[in-house]
Amino acid sequence: MSRILNFDLGNKGKRYRYNLEIVRDMLLIASVKVKKTRIMYQANLSYRHMEKYLKNLLEGGLLECDIDSCYLITRKGKEFLQLYAEYLERRRRIGEEIKGVDEHRLLLENMCFNNEIHLKRIGTKKEANM
């Protein structure tokens, strides 16, 4: 595996996280040997949710547990992090492309229907993006 990108574990104002974000957080936390309590607190999970995710990550081979009940990311877990980083980058690029297409459509609409309603839509979208 080439490299693992450093992810921000902050929630950035979102109330809920997707399952893959939680998995990413747990794997990053377990990049050094940790107990399940540390995973639970640092990933901001309830005990019930942490147990559910741990079970899935262990069964999937993304985490391993040693005799001392310490958890550590596996090679497969590191591969997941790399693939997830690539997914996020691709998703970001596609989002930018969609935004550009939408702006292009609005420009075309304004060329055809030069009225205040369409001009306001472009102004509102540009102001929202600033």
Protein backbone atom coordinates (compact mmCIF):
# COMPACT_ATOMS: atom_id res chain seq x y z
CA MET A 1 0.00 0.00 0.00
CA SER A 2 1.41 3.36 -0.96
CA ARG A 3 0.32 5.80 1.72
CA ILE A 4 -2.56 6.49 4.05
CA LEU A 5 -3.97 9.97 3.86
CA ASN A 6 -4.50 11.86 7.07
CA PHE A 7 -8.21 12.43 7.68
CA ASP A 8 -9.72 15.02 9.93
CA LEU A 9 -11.72 13.25 12.63
CA GLY A 10 -13.76 16.39 13.31
CA ASN A 11 -17.43 16.27 12.47
CA LYS A 12 -17.44 19.75 10.83
CA GLY A 13 -20.90 20.69 12.07
CA LYS A 14 -22.64 17.58 10.78
CA ARG A 15 -24.97 15.87 13.16
CA TYR A 16 -24.81 12.41 11.63
CA ARG A 17 -22.03 10.45 9.96
CA TYR A 18 -22.28 7.83 7.29
CA ASN A 19 -21.26 4.28 8.15
CA LEU A 20 -18.10 4.57 6.06
CA GLU A 21 -17.06 7.70 7.94
CA ILE A 22 -17.41 5.87 11.23
CA VAL A 23 -15.39 2.94 9.90
CA ARG A 24 -12.71 5.35 8.69
CA ASP A 25 -12.57 7.02 12.09
CA MET A 26 -12.29 3.70 13.92
CA LEU A 27 -9.54 2.43 11.63
CA LEU A 28 -7.54 5.63 11.98
CA ILE A 29 -7.83 5.43 15.76
CA ALA A 30 -6.63 1.82 15.64
CA SER A 31 -3.54 2.71 13.61
CA VAL A 32 -1.81 2.20 16.96
CA LYS A 33 -2.80 -0.49 19.46
CA VAL A 34 -5.82 0.70 21.41
CA LYS A 35 -8.46 -0.65 23.73
CA LYS A 36 -12.11 -0.55 22.74
CA THR A 37 -12.82 2.23 25.25
CA ARG A 38 -10.45 4.56 23.42
CA ILE A 39 -12.07 3.69 20.09
CA MET A 40 -15.50 4.35 21.56
CA TYR A 41 -14.60 7.78 22.95
CA GLN A 42 -12.42 9.01 20.10
CA ALA A 43 -14.89 7.86 17.44
CA ASN A 44 -17.72 9.38 19.49
CA LEU A 45 -19.83 6.22 19.54
CA SER A 46 -22.16 4.66 22.05
CA TYR A 47 -21.04 1.34 23.48
CA ARG A 48 -23.71 -0.51 21.48
CA HIS A 49 -22.69 1.09 18.18
CA MET A 50 -19.01 0.60 18.88
CA GLU A 51 -19.58 -3.12 19.54
CA LYS A 52 -21.57 -3.49 16.31
CA TYR A 53 -18.86 -1.80 14.24
CA LEU A 54 -16.03 -3.67 15.98
CA LYS A 55 -17.72 -6.98 15.23
CA ASN A 56 -18.07 -6.08 11.55
CA LEU A 57 -14.51 -4.78 11.25
CA LEU A 58 -13.09 -7.89 12.91
CA GLU A 59 -15.18 -10.22 10.74
CA GLY A 60 -14.19 -8.23 7.64
CA GLY A 61 -10.51 -8.48 8.50
CA LEU A 62 -10.04 -4.71 8.75
CA LEU A 63 -9.09 -4.86 12.45
CA GLU A 64 -7.44 -7.49 14.59
CA CYS A 65 -7.61 -8.05 18.33
CA ASP A 66 -4.68 -9.43 20.34
CA ILE A 67 -4.56 -11.39 23.60
CA ASP A 68 -4.60 -8.16 25.64
CA SER A 69 -7.88 -7.06 23.97
CA CYS A 70 -6.06 -4.37 22.03
CA TYR A 71 -7.18 -3.53 18.52
CA LEU A 72 -4.96 -2.73 15.56
CA ILE A 73 -5.63 -1.99 11.92
CA THR A 74 -4.70 -4.73 9.44
CA ARG A 75 -3.24 -4.49 5.94
CA LYS A 76 -6.77 -4.84 4.60
CA GLY A 77 -7.86 -1.96 6.87
CA LYS A 78 -5.08 0.23 5.47
CA GLU A 79 -6.19 -0.70 1.97
CA PHE A 80 -9.73 0.35 2.90
CA LEU A 81 -8.45 3.76 4.05
CA GLN A 82 -6.60 4.27 0.78
CA LEU A 83 -9.61 3.26 -1.30
CA TYR A 84 -11.87 5.47 0.80
CA ALA A 85 -9.54 8.45 0.26
CA GLU A 86 -9.67 7.82 -3.49
CA TYR A 87 -13.47 7.57 -3.32
CA LEU A 88 -13.72 10.90 -1.48
CA GLU A 89 -11.44 12.61 -4.00
CA ARG A 90 -13.43 11.24 -6.93
CA ARG A 91 -16.68 12.29 -5.29
CA ARG A 92 -15.29 15.81 -4.75
CA ARG A 93 -14.23 16.10 -8.40
CA ILE A 94 -17.61 14.85 -9.65
CA GLY A 95 -19.37 17.34 -7.35
CA GLU A 96 -17.33 20.19 -8.80
CA GLU A 97 -18.15 19.00 -12.31
CA ILE A 98 -21.87 18.89 -11.52
CA LYS A 99 -21.69 22.38 -10.06
CA GLY A 100 -20.03 23.63 -13.26
CA VAL A 101 -22.70 21.97 -15.40
CA ASP A 102 -25.46 23.59 -13.33
CA GLU A 103 -23.86 27.02 -13.71
CA HIS A 104 -23.55 26.43 -17.45
CA ARG A 105 -27.24 25.52 -17.65
CA LEU A 106 -28.21 28.71 -15.83
CA LEU A 107 -26.09 30.75 -18.21
CA LEU A 108 -27.84 29.12 -21.17
CA GLU A 109 -31.25 29.80 -19.60
CA ASN A 110 -30.34 33.45 -19.15
CA MET A 111 -29.35 33.68 -22.79
CA CYS A 112 -32.79 32.37 -23.79
CA PHE A 113 -34.97 33.88 -21.10
CA ASN A 114 -33.35 37.13 -20.06
CA ASN A 115 -35.55 38.03 -17.13
CA GLU A 116 -35.09 38.87 -13.46
CA ILE A 117 -36.09 35.46 -12.14
CA HIS A 118 -33.25 33.66 -13.89
CA LEU A 119 -30.73 36.41 -13.12
CA LYS A 120 -31.64 36.21 -9.44
CA ARG A 121 -31.10 32.43 -9.49
CA ILE A 122 -27.56 32.88 -10.78
CA GLY A 123 -26.87 35.66 -8.28
CA THR A 124 -28.23 33.58 -5.42
CA LYS A 125 -26.16 30.54 -6.43
CA LYS A 126 -22.98 32.60 -6.74
CA GLU A 127 -23.57 34.28 -3.36
CA ALA A 128 -24.22 30.90 -1.74
CA ASN A 129 -20.94 29.55 -3.12
CA MET A 130 -18.86 32.41 -1.69
